[in-house]
Amino acid sequence: MSLMSNEAVQPYQRIVQDVRDKIRSGRWTAGTKLPSIGELAEEYGVAAGTVQRALTELRTAGLIYSHQGRGSFVTETASESSEDSTARALRALEEQVADLAARLERIEKGRSD
C-alpha cells in the first residue's frame, strides 16, 4: 500500500513524504520552486491550512525555504544531502559487488584445484 493512499497517515504527512521523495529522487533539485499552496491543496485534495502545516514541517527539516510573495523553494542542503545519500548507497553497492566477485573467484579457483 502506498503512503499516499494510507488512511492512517495524516494528510500533511503524506505531502511531506511526497516532497521528500521528489527531492530524494532528484525530480526536485536545489532551487526548484514548489507549486503554490493553492496548487498543492488542489493536487492533494486538502485545505490550504494542511499544505501550510506540511510546508512548515519541510522548512523545519531544512528541506525548503520560503520567501513572502515569491513561494517556497528546495534548499541547497536538501539536494546535497540527497545526492550524498545516493552516492553513499552507490559506493556501498559497489563494495558489495566487489566482495561478491572476490568470493566467487575464490570458489571457482577452489573447484579448479
PDB file of N, CA and C in Angstrom:
ATOM      1  N   MET A   1       0.852  -1.174   0.000  1.00  0.00           N
ATOM      2  CA  MET A   1       0.000   0.000   0.000  1.00  0.00           C
ATOM      3  C   MET A   1       0.896   1.234   0.000  1.00  0.00           C
ATOM      4  N   SER A   2       0.656   2.175  -0.888  1.00  0.00           N
ATOM      5  CA  SER A   2       1.499   3.361  -0.962  1.00  0.00           C
ATOM      6  C   SER A   2       1.165   4.323   0.158  1.00  0.00           C
ATOM      7  N   LEU A   3       2.138   5.160   0.478  1.00  0.00           N
ATOM      8  CA  LEU A   3       1.953   6.133   1.543  1.00  0.00           C
ATOM      9  C   LEU A   3       0.829   7.098   1.203  1.00  0.00           C
ATOM     10  N   MET A   4       0.688   7.455  -0.063  1.00  0.00           N
ATOM     11  CA  MET A   4      -0.322   8.437  -0.462  1.00  0.00           C
ATOM     12  C   MET A   4      -1.742   7.913  -0.246  1.00  0.00           C
ATOM     13  N   SER A   5      -1.933   6.618  -0.192  1.00  0.00           N
ATOM     14  CA  SER A   5      -3.282   6.076  -0.021  1.00  0.00           C
ATOM     15  C   SER A   5      -3.504   5.528   1.383  1.00  0.00           C
ATOM     16  N   ASN A   6      -2.502   5.645   2.253  1.00  0.00           N
ATOM     17  CA  ASN A   6      -2.616   5.111   3.598  1.00  0.00           C
ATOM     18  C   ASN A   6      -3.463   6.050   4.451  1.00  0.00           C
ATOM     19  N   GLU A   7      -4.637   5.583   4.836  1.00  0.00           N
ATOM     20  CA  GLU A   7      -5.580   6.400   5.600  1.00  0.00           C
ATOM     21  C   GLU A   7      -5.057   6.744   6.989  1.00  0.00           C
ATOM     22  N   ALA A   8      -4.159   5.924   7.559  1.00  0.00           N
ATOM     23  CA  ALA A   8      -3.663   6.156   8.912  1.00  0.00           C
ATOM     24  C   ALA A   8      -2.681   7.322   8.973  1.00  0.00           C
ATOM     25  N   VAL A   9      -2.140   7.731   7.844  1.00  0.00           N
ATOM     26  CA  VAL A   9      -1.174   8.822   7.804  1.00  0.00           C
ATOM     27  C   VAL A   9      -1.936  10.133   7.621  1.00  0.00           C
ATOM     28  N   GLN A  10      -1.579  11.128   8.427  1.00  0.00           N
ATOM     29  CA  GLN A  10      -2.224  12.436   8.326  1.00  0.00           C
ATOM     30  C   GLN A  10      -1.987  13.039   6.934  1.00  0.00           C
ATOM     31  N   PRO A  11      -2.947  13.785   6.408  1.00  0.00           N
ATOM     32  CA  PRO A  11      -2.779  14.371   5.065  1.00  0.00           C
ATOM     33  C   PRO A  11      -1.515  15.220   4.926  1.00  0.00           C
ATOM     34  N   TYR A  12      -1.179  16.021   5.939  1.00  0.00           N
ATOM     35  CA  TYR A  12       0.024  16.848   5.822  1.00  0.00           C
ATOM     36  C   TYR A  12       1.280  15.973   5.756  1.00  0.00           C
ATOM     37  N   GLN A  13       1.257  14.814   6.455  1.00  0.00           N
ATOM     38  CA  GLN A  13       2.401  13.907   6.430  1.00  0.00           C
ATOM     39  C   GLN A  13       2.577  13.275   5.055  1.00  0.00           C
ATOM     40  N   ARG A  14       1.478  13.030   4.369  1.00  0.00           N
ATOM     41  CA  ARG A  14       1.570  12.477   3.008  1.00  0.00           C
ATOM     42  C   ARG A  14       2.237  13.491   2.081  1.00  0.00           C
ATOM     43  N   ILE A  15       1.895  14.767   2.257  1.00  0.00           N
ATOM     44  CA  ILE A  15       2.503  15.812   1.429  1.00  0.00           C
ATOM     45  C   ILE A  15       3.998  15.912   1.732  1.00  0.00           C
ATOM     46  N   VAL A  16       4.348  15.920   3.015  1.00  0.00           N
ATOM     47  CA  VAL A  16       5.752  15.982   3.426  1.00  0.00           C
ATOM     48  C   VAL A  16       6.526  14.827   2.814  1.00  0.00           C
ATOM     49  N   GLN A  17       5.994  13.623   2.919  1.00  0.00           N
ATOM     50  CA  GLN A  17       6.698  12.448   2.393  1.00  0.00           C
ATOM     51  C   GLN A  17       6.835  12.516   0.875  1.00  0.00           C
ATOM     52  N   ASP A  18       5.797  12.989   0.206  1.00  0.00           N
ATOM     53  CA  ASP A  18       5.855  13.086  -1.248  1.00  0.00           C
ATOM     54  C   ASP A  18       6.921  14.094  -1.680  1.00  0.00           C
ATOM     55  N   VAL A  19       6.987  15.233  -0.996  1.00  0.00           N
ATOM     56  CA  VAL A  19       8.009  16.233  -1.326  1.00  0.00           C
ATOM     57  C   VAL A  19       9.397  15.660  -1.047  1.00  0.00           C
ATOM     58  N   ARG A  20       9.563  14.982   0.097  1.00  0.00           N
ATOM     59  CA  ARG A  20      10.847  14.345   0.413  1.00  0.00           C
ATOM     60  C   ARG A  20      11.243  13.363  -0.693  1.00  0.00           C
ATOM     61  N   ASP A  21      10.286  12.575  -1.154  1.00  0.00           N
ATOM     62  CA  ASP A  21      10.562  11.596  -2.208  1.00  0.00           C
ATOM     63  C   ASP A  21      10.992  12.281  -3.499  1.00  0.00           C
ATOM     64  N   LYS A  22      10.345  13.385  -3.837  1.00  0.00           N
ATOM     65  CA  LYS A  22      10.697  14.113  -5.062  1.00  0.00           C
ATOM     66  C   LYS A  22      12.099  14.686  -4.966  1.00  0.00           C
ATOM     67  N   ILE A  23      12.481  15.147  -3.775  1.00  0.00           N
ATOM     68  CA  ILE A  23      13.836  15.670  -3.586  1.00  0.00           C
ATOM     69  C   ILE A  23      14.838  14.521  -3.620  1.00  0.00           C
ATOM     70  N   ARG A  24      14.541  13.445  -2.904  1.00  0.00           N
ATOM     71  CA  ARG A  24      15.440  12.292  -2.825  1.00  0.00           C
ATOM     72  C   ARG A  24      15.683  11.683  -4.207  1.00  0.00           C
ATOM     73  N   SER A  25      14.634  11.635  -5.027  1.00  0.00           N
ATOM     74  CA  SER A  25      14.762  11.020  -6.349  1.00  0.00           C
ATOM     75  C   SER A  25      15.435  11.931  -7.365  1.00  0.00           C
ATOM     76  N   GLY A  26      15.610  13.195  -6.986  1.00  0.00           N
ATOM     77  CA  GLY A  26      16.235  14.135  -7.911  1.00  0.00           C
ATOM     78  C   GLY A  26      15.253  14.834  -8.832  1.00  0.00           C
ATOM     79  N   ARG A  27      13.963  14.540  -8.697  1.00  0.00           N
ATOM     80  CA  ARG A  27      12.968  15.231  -9.527  1.00  0.00           C
ATOM     81  C   ARG A  27      12.914  16.708  -9.181  1.00  0.00           C
ATOM     82  N   TRP A  28      13.088  17.023  -7.897  1.00  0.00           N
ATOM     83  CA  TRP A  28      13.169  18.413  -7.449  1.00  0.00           C
ATOM     84  C   TRP A  28      14.564  18.631  -6.887  1.00  0.00           C
ATOM     85  N   THR A  29      15.315  19.555  -7.492  1.00  0.00           N
ATOM     86  CA  THR A  29      16.680  19.834  -7.064  1.00  0.00           C
ATOM     87  C   THR A  29      16.751  21.204  -6.403  1.00  0.00           C
ATOM     88  N   ALA A  30      17.934  21.548  -5.905  1.00  0.00           N
ATOM     89  CA  ALA A  30      18.147  22.831  -5.235  1.00  0.00           C
ATOM     90  C   ALA A  30      17.621  23.978  -6.099  1.00  0.00           C
ATOM     91  N   GLY A  31      16.829  24.835  -5.477  1.00  0.00           N
ATOM     92  CA  GLY A  31      16.289  25.993  -6.180  1.00  0.00           C
ATOM     93  C   GLY A  31      14.960  25.756  -6.873  1.00  0.00           C
ATOM     94  N   THR A  32      14.523  24.510  -6.952  1.00  0.00           N
ATOM     95  CA  THR A  32      13.240  24.211  -7.581  1.00  0.00           C
ATOM     96  C   THR A  32      12.132  24.895  -6.801  1.00  0.00           C
ATOM     97  N   LYS A  33      11.273  25.611  -7.518  1.00  0.00           N
ATOM     98  CA  LYS A  33      10.128  26.278  -6.889  1.00  0.00           C
ATOM     99  C   LYS A  33       8.990  25.276  -6.751  1.00  0.00           C
ATOM    100  N   LEU A  34       8.482  25.159  -5.537  1.00  0.00           N
ATOM    101  CA  LEU A  34       7.350  24.267  -5.298  1.00  0.00           C
ATOM    102  C   LEU A  34       6.082  24.899  -5.854  1.00  0.00           C
ATOM    103  N   PRO A  35       5.092  24.086  -6.184  1.00  0.00           N
ATOM    104  CA  PRO A  35       3.800  24.656  -6.593  1.00  0.00           C
ATOM    105  C   PRO A  35       3.241  25.530  -5.462  1.00  0.00           C
ATOM    106  N   SER A  36       2.328  26.431  -5.813  1.00  0.00           N
ATOM    107  CA  SER A  36       1.733  27.319  -4.809  1.00  0.00           C
ATOM    108  C   SER A  36       0.905  26.520  -3.808  1.00  0.00           C
ATOM    109  N   ILE A  37       0.575  27.146  -2.705  1.00  0.00           N
ATOM    110  CA  ILE A  37      -0.255  26.489  -1.690  1.00  0.00           C
ATOM    111  C   ILE A  37      -1.577  26.051  -2.301  1.00  0.00           C
ATOM    112  N   GLY A  38      -2.169  26.907  -3.105  1.00  0.00           N
ATOM    113  CA  GLY A  38      -3.439  26.568  -3.760  1.00  0.00           C
ATOM    114  C   GLY A  38      -3.301  25.376  -4.697  1.00  0.00           C
ATOM    115  N   GLU A  39      -2.211  25.361  -5.454  1.00  0.00           N
ATOM    116  CA  GLU A  39      -1.985  24.250  -6.385  1.00  0.00           C
ATOM    117  C   GLU A  39      -1.767  22.943  -5.627  1.00  0.00           C
ATOM    118  N   LEU A  40      -0.990  23.011  -4.547  1.00  0.00           N
ATOM    119  CA  LEU A  40      -0.756  21.802  -3.748  1.00  0.00           C
ATOM    120  C   LEU A  40      -2.044  21.332  -3.078  1.00  0.00           C
ATOM    121  N   ALA A  41      -2.841  22.272  -2.584  1.00  0.00           N
ATOM    122  CA  ALA A  41      -4.110  21.915  -1.945  1.00  0.00           C
ATOM    123  C   ALA A  41      -5.019  21.199  -2.936  1.00  0.00           C
ATOM    124  N   GLU A  42      -5.043  21.695  -4.161  1.00  0.00           N
ATOM    125  CA  GLU A  42      -5.872  21.066  -5.194  1.00  0.00           C
ATOM    126  C   GLU A  42      -5.307  19.695  -5.576  1.00  0.00           C
ATOM    127  N   GLU A  43      -3.993  19.617  -5.744  1.00  0.00           N
ATOM    128  CA  GLU A  43      -3.351  18.358  -6.132  1.00  0.00           C
ATOM    129  C   GLU A  43      -3.618  17.249  -5.117  1.00  0.00           C
ATOM    130  N   TYR A  44      -3.547  17.585  -3.827  1.00  0.00           N
ATOM    131  CA  TYR A  44      -3.714  16.581  -2.776  1.00  0.00           C
ATOM    132  C   TYR A  44      -5.136  16.504  -2.236  1.00  0.00           C
ATOM    133  N   GLY A  45      -6.007  17.389  -2.690  1.00  0.00           N
ATOM    134  CA  GLY A  45      -7.392  17.377  -2.232  1.00  0.00           C
ATOM    135  C   GLY A  45      -7.528  17.715  -0.757  1.00  0.00           C
ATOM    136  N   VAL A  46      -6.742  18.704  -0.303  1.00  0.00           N
ATOM    137  CA  VAL A  46      -6.765  19.109   1.101  1.00  0.00           C
ATOM    138  C   VAL A  46      -6.951  20.620   1.207  1.00  0.00           C
ATOM    139  N   ALA A  47      -7.160  21.085   2.434  1.00  0.00           N
ATOM    140  CA  ALA A  47      -7.306  22.519   2.684  1.00  0.00           C
ATOM    141  C   ALA A  47      -5.939  23.201   2.653  1.00  0.00           C
ATOM    142  N   ALA A  48      -5.942  24.503   2.398  1.00  0.00           N
ATOM    143  CA  ALA A  48      -4.704  25.280   2.353  1.00  0.00           C
ATOM    144  C   ALA A  48      -3.947  25.187   3.678  1.00  0.00           C
ATOM    145  N   GLY A  49      -4.658  25.121   4.795  1.00  0.00           N
ATOM    146  CA  GLY A  49      -4.017  25.009   6.104  1.00  0.00           C
ATOM    147  C   GLY A  49      -3.216  23.724   6.243  1.00  0.00           C
ATOM    148  N   THR A  50      -3.696  22.661   5.620  1.00  0.00           N
ATOM    149  CA  THR A  50      -2.986  21.379   5.648  1.00  0.00           C
ATOM    150  C   THR A  50      -1.674  21.508   4.888  1.00  0.00           C
ATOM    151  N   VAL A  51      -1.706  22.189   3.750  1.00  0.00           N
ATOM    152  CA  VAL A  51      -0.490  22.410   2.964  1.00  0.00           C
ATOM    153  C   VAL A  51       0.484  23.278   3.765  1.00  0.00           C
ATOM    154  N   GLN A  52      -0.040  24.319   4.426  1.00  0.00           N
ATOM    155  CA  GLN A  52       0.810  25.189   5.248  1.00  0.00           C
ATOM    156  C   GLN A  52       1.533  24.381   6.319  1.00  0.00           C
ATOM    157  N   ARG A  53       0.817  23.461   6.956  1.00  0.00           N
ATOM    158  CA  ARG A  53       1.420  22.630   8.002  1.00  0.00           C
ATOM    159  C   ARG A  53       2.545  21.781   7.417  1.00  0.00           C
ATOM    160  N   ALA A  54       2.315  21.218   6.235  1.00  0.00           N
ATOM    161  CA  ALA A  54       3.349  20.411   5.577  1.00  0.00           C
ATOM    162  C   ALA A  54       4.563  21.271   5.238  1.00  0.00           C
ATOM    163  N   LEU A  55       4.329  22.469   4.708  1.00  0.00           N
ATOM    164  CA  LEU A  55       5.439  23.349   4.358  1.00  0.00           C
ATOM    165  C   LEU A  55       6.219  23.769   5.598  1.00  0.00           C
ATOM    166  N   THR A  56       5.522  23.995   6.703  1.00  0.00           N
ATOM    167  CA  THR A  56       6.195  24.340   7.952  1.00  0.00           C
ATOM    168  C   THR A  56       7.115  23.205   8.386  1.00  0.00           C
ATOM    169  N   GLU A  57       6.635  21.983   8.293  1.00  0.00           N
ATOM    170  CA  GLU A  57       7.468  20.829   8.670  1.00  0.00           C
ATOM    171  C   GLU A  57       8.671  20.702   7.742  1.00  0.00           C
ATOM    172  N   LEU A  58       8.467  20.923   6.455  1.00  0.00           N
ATOM    173  CA  LEU A  58       9.570  20.837   5.493  1.00  0.00           C
ATOM    174  C   LEU A  58      10.603  21.940   5.735  1.00  0.00           C
ATOM    175  N   ARG A  59      10.131  23.146   6.114  1.00  0.00           N
ATOM    176  CA  ARG A  59      11.065  24.234   6.447  1.00  0.00           C
ATOM    177  C   ARG A  59      11.863  23.884   7.699  1.00  0.00           C
ATOM    178  N   THR A  60      11.172  23.361   8.712  1.00  0.00           N
ATOM    179  CA  THR A  60      11.832  22.977   9.958  1.00  0.00           C
ATOM    180  C   THR A  60      12.898  21.912   9.709  1.00  0.00           C
ATOM    181  N   ALA A  61      12.622  21.005   8.780  1.00  0.00           N
ATOM    182  CA  ALA A  61      13.574  19.941   8.440  1.00  0.00           C
ATOM    183  C   ALA A  61      14.718  20.451   7.561  1.00  0.00           C
ATOM    184  N   GLY A  62      14.629  21.708   7.119  1.00  0.00           N
ATOM    185  CA  GLY A  62      15.686  22.285   6.294  1.00  0.00           C
ATOM    186  C   GLY A  62      15.635  21.863   4.842  1.00  0.00           C
ATOM    187  N   LEU A  63      14.491  21.331   4.411  1.00  0.00           N
ATOM    188  CA  LEU A  63      14.381  20.875   3.023  1.00  0.00           C
ATOM    189  C   LEU A  63      13.931  21.976   2.074  1.00  0.00           C
ATOM    190  N   ILE A  64      13.185  22.945   2.594  1.00  0.00           N
ATOM    191  CA  ILE A  64      12.721  24.049   1.759  1.00  0.00           C
ATOM    192  C   ILE A  64      12.911  25.363   2.508  1.00  0.00           C
ATOM    193  N   TYR A  65      12.854  26.455   1.770  1.00  0.00           N
ATOM    194  CA  TYR A  65      12.804  27.786   2.366  1.00  0.00           C
ATOM    195  C   TYR A  65      11.727  28.548   1.609  1.00  0.00           C
ATOM    196  N   SER A  66      11.174  29.567   2.248  1.00  0.00           N
ATOM    197  CA  SER A  66      10.092  30.331   1.635  1.00  0.00           C
ATOM    198  C   SER A  66      10.423  31.808   1.651  1.00  0.00           C
ATOM    199  N   HIS A  67       9.976  32.498   0.601  1.00  0.00           N
ATOM    200  CA  HIS A  67      10.078  33.953   0.503  1.00  0.00           C
ATOM    201  C   HIS A  67       8.667  34.495   0.374  1.00  0.00           C
ATOM    202  N   GLN A  68       8.313  35.432   1.245  1.00  0.00           N
ATOM    203  CA  GLN A  68       6.988  36.045   1.204  1.00  0.00           C
ATOM    204  C   GLN A  68       6.710  36.577  -0.203  1.00  0.00           C
ATOM    205  N   GLY A  69       5.608  36.136  -0.778  1.00  0.00           N
ATOM    206  CA  GLY A  69       5.194  36.622  -2.086  1.00  0.00           C
ATOM    207  C   GLY A  69       5.887  35.959  -3.265  1.00  0.00           C
ATOM    208  N   ARG A  70       6.930  35.167  -3.025  1.00  0.00           N
ATOM    209  CA  ARG A  70       7.642  34.507  -4.122  1.00  0.00           C
ATOM    210  C   ARG A  70       7.422  33.013  -4.155  1.00  0.00           C
ATOM    211  N   GLY A  71       7.200  32.403  -2.981  1.00  0.00           N
ATOM    212  CA  GLY A  71       6.945  30.975  -2.942  1.00  0.00           C
ATOM    213  C   GLY A  71       7.957  30.223  -2.109  1.00  0.00           C
ATOM    214  N   SER A  72       7.906  28.903  -2.229  1.00  0.00           N
ATOM    215  CA  SER A  72       8.806  28.010  -1.495  1.00  0.00           C
ATOM    216  C   SER A  72       9.714  27.302  -2.480  1.00  0.00           C
ATOM    217  N   PHE A  73      10.956  27.061  -2.043  1.00  0.00           N
ATOM    218  CA  PHE A  73      11.989  26.502  -2.902  1.00  0.00           C
ATOM    219  C   PHE A  73      12.757  25.411  -2.166  1.00  0.00           C
ATOM    220  N   VAL A  74      13.293  24.452  -2.920  1.00  0.00           N
ATOM    221  CA  VAL A  74      14.133  23.403  -2.348  1.00  0.00           C
ATOM    222  C   VAL A  74      15.474  24.024  -1.964  1.00  0.00           C
ATOM    223  N   THR A  75      15.953  23.709  -0.758  1.00  0.00           N
ATOM    224  CA  THR A  75      17.229  24.253  -0.291  1.00  0.00           C
ATOM    225  C   THR A  75      18.408  23.543  -0.952  1.00  0.00           C
ATOM    226  N   GLU A  76      19.558  24.210  -0.921  1.00  0.00           N
ATOM    227  CA  GLU A  76      20.791  23.598  -1.428  1.00  0.00           C
ATOM    228  C   GLU A  76      21.123  22.352  -0.619  1.00  0.00           C
ATOM    229  N   THR A  77      20.981  22.452   0.705  1.00  0.00           N
ATOM    230  CA  THR A  77      21.371  21.338   1.562  1.00  0.00           C
ATOM    231  C   THR A  77      20.469  20.128   1.360  1.00  0.00           C
ATOM    232  N   ALA A  78      19.192  20.342   1.028  1.00  0.00           N
ATOM    233  CA  ALA A  78      18.288  19.206   0.782  1.00  0.00           C
ATOM    234  C   ALA A  78      18.772  18.423  -0.417  1.00  0.00           C
ATOM    235  N   SER A  79      19.119  19.130  -1.480  1.00  0.00           N
ATOM    236  CA  SER A  79      19.604  18.479  -2.691  1.00  0.00           C
ATOM    237  C   SER A  79      20.937  17.800  -2.444  1.00  0.00           C
ATOM    238  N   GLU A  80      21.829  18.477  -1.718  1.00  0.00           N
ATOM    239  CA  GLU A  80      23.152  17.914  -1.448  1.00  0.00           C
ATOM    240  C   GLU A  80      23.039  16.656  -0.605  1.00  0.00           C
ATOM    241  N   SER A  81      22.203  16.701   0.425  1.00  0.00           N
ATOM    242  CA  SER A  81      22.091  15.521   1.281  1.00  0.00           C
ATOM    243  C   SER A  81      21.485  14.367   0.506  1.00  0.00           C
ATOM    244  N   SER A  82      20.584  14.676  -0.424  1.00  0.00           N
ATOM    245  CA  SER A  82      20.012  13.633  -1.263  1.00  0.00           C
ATOM    246  C   SER A  82      21.088  13.033  -2.160  1.00  0.00           C
ATOM    247  N   GLU A  83      21.917  13.907  -2.758  1.00  0.00           N
ATOM    248  CA  GLU A  83      22.994  13.424  -3.614  1.00  0.00           C
ATOM    249  C   GLU A  83      24.017  12.645  -2.799  1.00  0.00           C
ATOM    250  N   ASP A  84      24.325  13.138  -1.589  1.00  0.00           N
ATOM    251  CA  ASP A  84      25.278  12.451  -0.733  1.00  0.00           C
ATOM    252  C   ASP A  84      24.790  11.054  -0.388  1.00  0.00           C
ATOM    253  N   SER A  85      23.521  10.936  -0.034  1.00  0.00           N
ATOM    254  CA  SER A  85      22.998   9.622   0.339  1.00  0.00           C
ATOM    255  C   SER A  85      22.965   8.697  -0.872  1.00  0.00           C
ATOM    256  N   THR A  86      22.690   9.231  -2.043  1.00  0.00           N
ATOM    257  CA  THR A  86      22.700   8.423  -3.254  1.00  0.00           C
ATOM    258  C   THR A  86      24.118   7.947  -3.550  1.00  0.00           C
ATOM    259  N   ALA A  87      25.096   8.842  -3.410  1.00  0.00           N
ATOM    260  CA  ALA A  87      26.488   8.474  -3.661  1.00  0.00           C
ATOM    261  C   ALA A  87      26.945   7.411  -2.656  1.00  0.00           C
ATOM    262  N   ARG A  88      26.559   7.574  -1.378  1.00  0.00           N
ATOM    263  CA  ARG A  88      26.929   6.582  -0.360  1.00  0.00           C
ATOM    264  C   ARG A  88      26.309   5.231  -0.689  1.00  0.00           C
ATOM    265  N   ALA A  89      25.052   5.240  -1.111  1.00  0.00           N
ATOM    266  CA  ALA A  89      24.376   3.984  -1.440  1.00  0.00           C
ATOM    267  C   ALA A  89      25.059   3.303  -2.619  1.00  0.00           C
ATOM    268  N   LEU A  90      25.456   4.079  -3.627  1.00  0.00           N
ATOM    269  CA  LEU A  90      26.145   3.510  -4.785  1.00  0.00           C
ATOM    270  C   LEU A  90      27.500   2.924  -4.388  1.00  0.00           C
ATOM    271  N   ARG A  91      28.234   3.644  -3.534  1.00  0.00           N
ATOM    272  CA  ARG A  91      29.525   3.127  -3.073  1.00  0.00           C
ATOM    273  C   ARG A  91      29.345   1.819  -2.307  1.00  0.00           C
ATOM    274  N   ALA A  92      28.320   1.762  -1.467  1.00  0.00           N
ATOM    275  CA  ALA A  92      28.059   0.537  -0.698  1.00  0.00           C
ATOM    276  C   ALA A  92      27.743  -0.621  -1.641  1.00  0.00           C
ATOM    277  N   LEU A  93      26.955  -0.362  -2.675  1.00  0.00           N
ATOM    278  CA  LEU A  93      26.637  -1.414  -3.643  1.00  0.00           C
ATOM    279  C   LEU A  93      27.879  -1.860  -4.403  1.00  0.00           C
ATOM    280  N   GLU A  94      28.711  -0.896  -4.787  1.00  0.00           N
ATOM    281  CA  GLU A  94      29.949  -1.237  -5.490  1.00  0.00           C
ATOM    282  C   GLU A  94      30.840  -2.132  -4.619  1.00  0.00           C
ATOM    283  N   GLU A  95      30.909  -1.797  -3.325  1.00  0.00           N
ATOM    284  CA  GLU A  95      31.720  -2.611  -2.414  1.00  0.00           C
ATOM    285  C   GLU A  95      31.145  -4.021  -2.288  1.00  0.00           C
ATOM    286  N   GLN A  96      29.831  -4.128  -2.221  1.00  0.00           N
ATOM    287  CA  GLN A  96      29.193  -5.443  -2.130  1.00  0.00           C
ATOM    288  C   GLN A  96      29.454  -6.265  -3.384  1.00  0.00           C
ATOM    289  N   VAL A  97      29.368  -5.638  -4.541  1.00  0.00           N
ATOM    290  CA  VAL A  97      29.619  -6.348  -5.798  1.00  0.00           C
ATOM    291  C   VAL A  97      31.069  -6.816  -5.845  1.00  0.00           C
ATOM    292  N   ALA A  98      32.001  -5.949  -5.453  1.00  0.00           N
ATOM    293  CA  ALA A  98      33.418  -6.330  -5.449  1.00  0.00           C
ATOM    294  C   ALA A  98      33.651  -7.495  -4.493  1.00  0.00           C
ATOM    295  N   ASP A  99      33.023  -7.445  -3.318  1.00  0.00           N
ATOM    296  CA  ASP A  99      33.161  -8.527  -2.345  1.00  0.00           C
ATOM    297  C   ASP A  99      32.604  -9.836  -2.905  1.00  0.00           C
ATOM    298  N   LEU A 100      31.434  -9.775  -3.512  1.00  0.00           N
ATOM    299  CA  LEU A 100      30.829 -10.980  -4.087  1.00  0.00           C
ATOM    300  C   LEU A 100      31.666 -11.532  -5.234  1.00  0.00           C
ATOM    301  N   ALA A 101      32.224 -10.640  -6.056  1.00  0.00           N
ATOM    302  CA  ALA A 101      33.074 -11.083  -7.165  1.00  0.00           C
ATOM    303  C   ALA A 101      34.310 -11.801  -6.626  1.00  0.00           C
ATOM    304  N   ALA A 102      34.910 -11.266  -5.559  1.00  0.00           N
ATOM    305  CA  ALA A 102      36.093 -11.894  -4.962  1.00  0.00           C
ATOM    306  C   ALA A 102      35.727 -13.260  -4.375  1.00  0.00           C
ATOM    307  N   ARG A 103      34.580 -13.352  -3.722  1.00  0.00           N
ATOM    308  CA  ARG A 103      34.140 -14.638  -3.164  1.00  0.00           C
ATOM    309  C   ARG A 103      33.923 -15.660  -4.270  1.00  0.00           C
ATOM    310  N   LEU A 104      33.261 -15.231  -5.344  1.00  0.00           N
ATOM    311  CA  LEU A 104      33.002 -16.129  -6.471  1.00  0.00           C
ATOM    312  C   LEU A 104      34.319 -16.611  -7.085  1.00  0.00           C
ATOM    313  N   GLU A 105      35.259 -15.704  -7.209  1.00  0.00           N
ATOM    314  CA  GLU A 105      36.561 -16.069  -7.765  1.00  0.00           C
ATOM    315  C   GLU A 105      37.248 -17.126  -6.889  1.00  0.00           C
ATOM    316  N   ARG A 106      37.183 -16.947  -5.562  1.00  0.00           N
ATOM    317  CA  ARG A 106      37.779 -17.927  -4.650  1.00  0.00           C
ATOM    318  C   ARG A 106      37.089 -19.285  -4.776  1.00  0.00           C
ATOM    319  N   ILE A 107      35.773 -19.278  -4.898  1.00  0.00           N
ATOM    320  CA  ILE A 107      35.021 -20.523  -5.033  1.00  0.00           C
ATOM    321  C   ILE A 107      35.399 -21.236  -6.328  1.00  0.00           C
ATOM    322  N   GLU A 108      35.430 -20.482  -7.422  1.00  0.00           N
ATOM    323  CA  GLU A 108      35.775 -21.076  -8.708  1.00  0.00           C
ATOM    324  C   GLU A 108      37.211 -21.578  -8.718  1.00  0.00           C
ATOM    325  N   LYS A 109      38.116 -20.871  -8.067  1.00  0.00           N
ATOM    326  CA  LYS A 109      39.519 -21.284  -8.001  1.00  0.00           C
ATOM    327  C   LYS A 109      39.628 -22.584  -7.188  1.00  0.00           C
ATOM    328  N   GLY A 110      38.843 -22.677  -6.111  1.00  0.00           N
ATOM    329  CA  GLY A 110      38.850 -23.881  -5.284  1.00  0.00           C
ATOM    330  C   GLY A 110      38.349 -25.087  -6.036  1.00  0.00           C
ATOM    331  N   ARG A 111      37.413 -24.918  -6.956  1.00  0.00           N
ATOM    332  CA  ARG A 111      36.878 -26.036  -7.743  1.00  0.00           C
ATOM    333  C   ARG A 111      37.862 -26.514  -8.796  1.00  0.00           C
ATOM    334  N   SER A 112      38.705 -25.588  -9.282  1.00  0.00           N
ATOM    335  CA  SER A 112      39.628 -25.973 -10.342  1.00  0.00           C
ATOM    336  C   SER A 112      40.888 -26.638  -9.811  1.00  0.00           C
ATOM    337  N   ASP A 113      41.112 -26.577  -8.496  1.00  0.00           N
ATOM    338  CA  ASP A 113      42.309 -27.171  -7.898  1.00  0.00           C
ATOM    339  C   ASP A 113      42.214 -28.675  -7.794  1.00  0.00           C
TER     340      ASP A 113
END
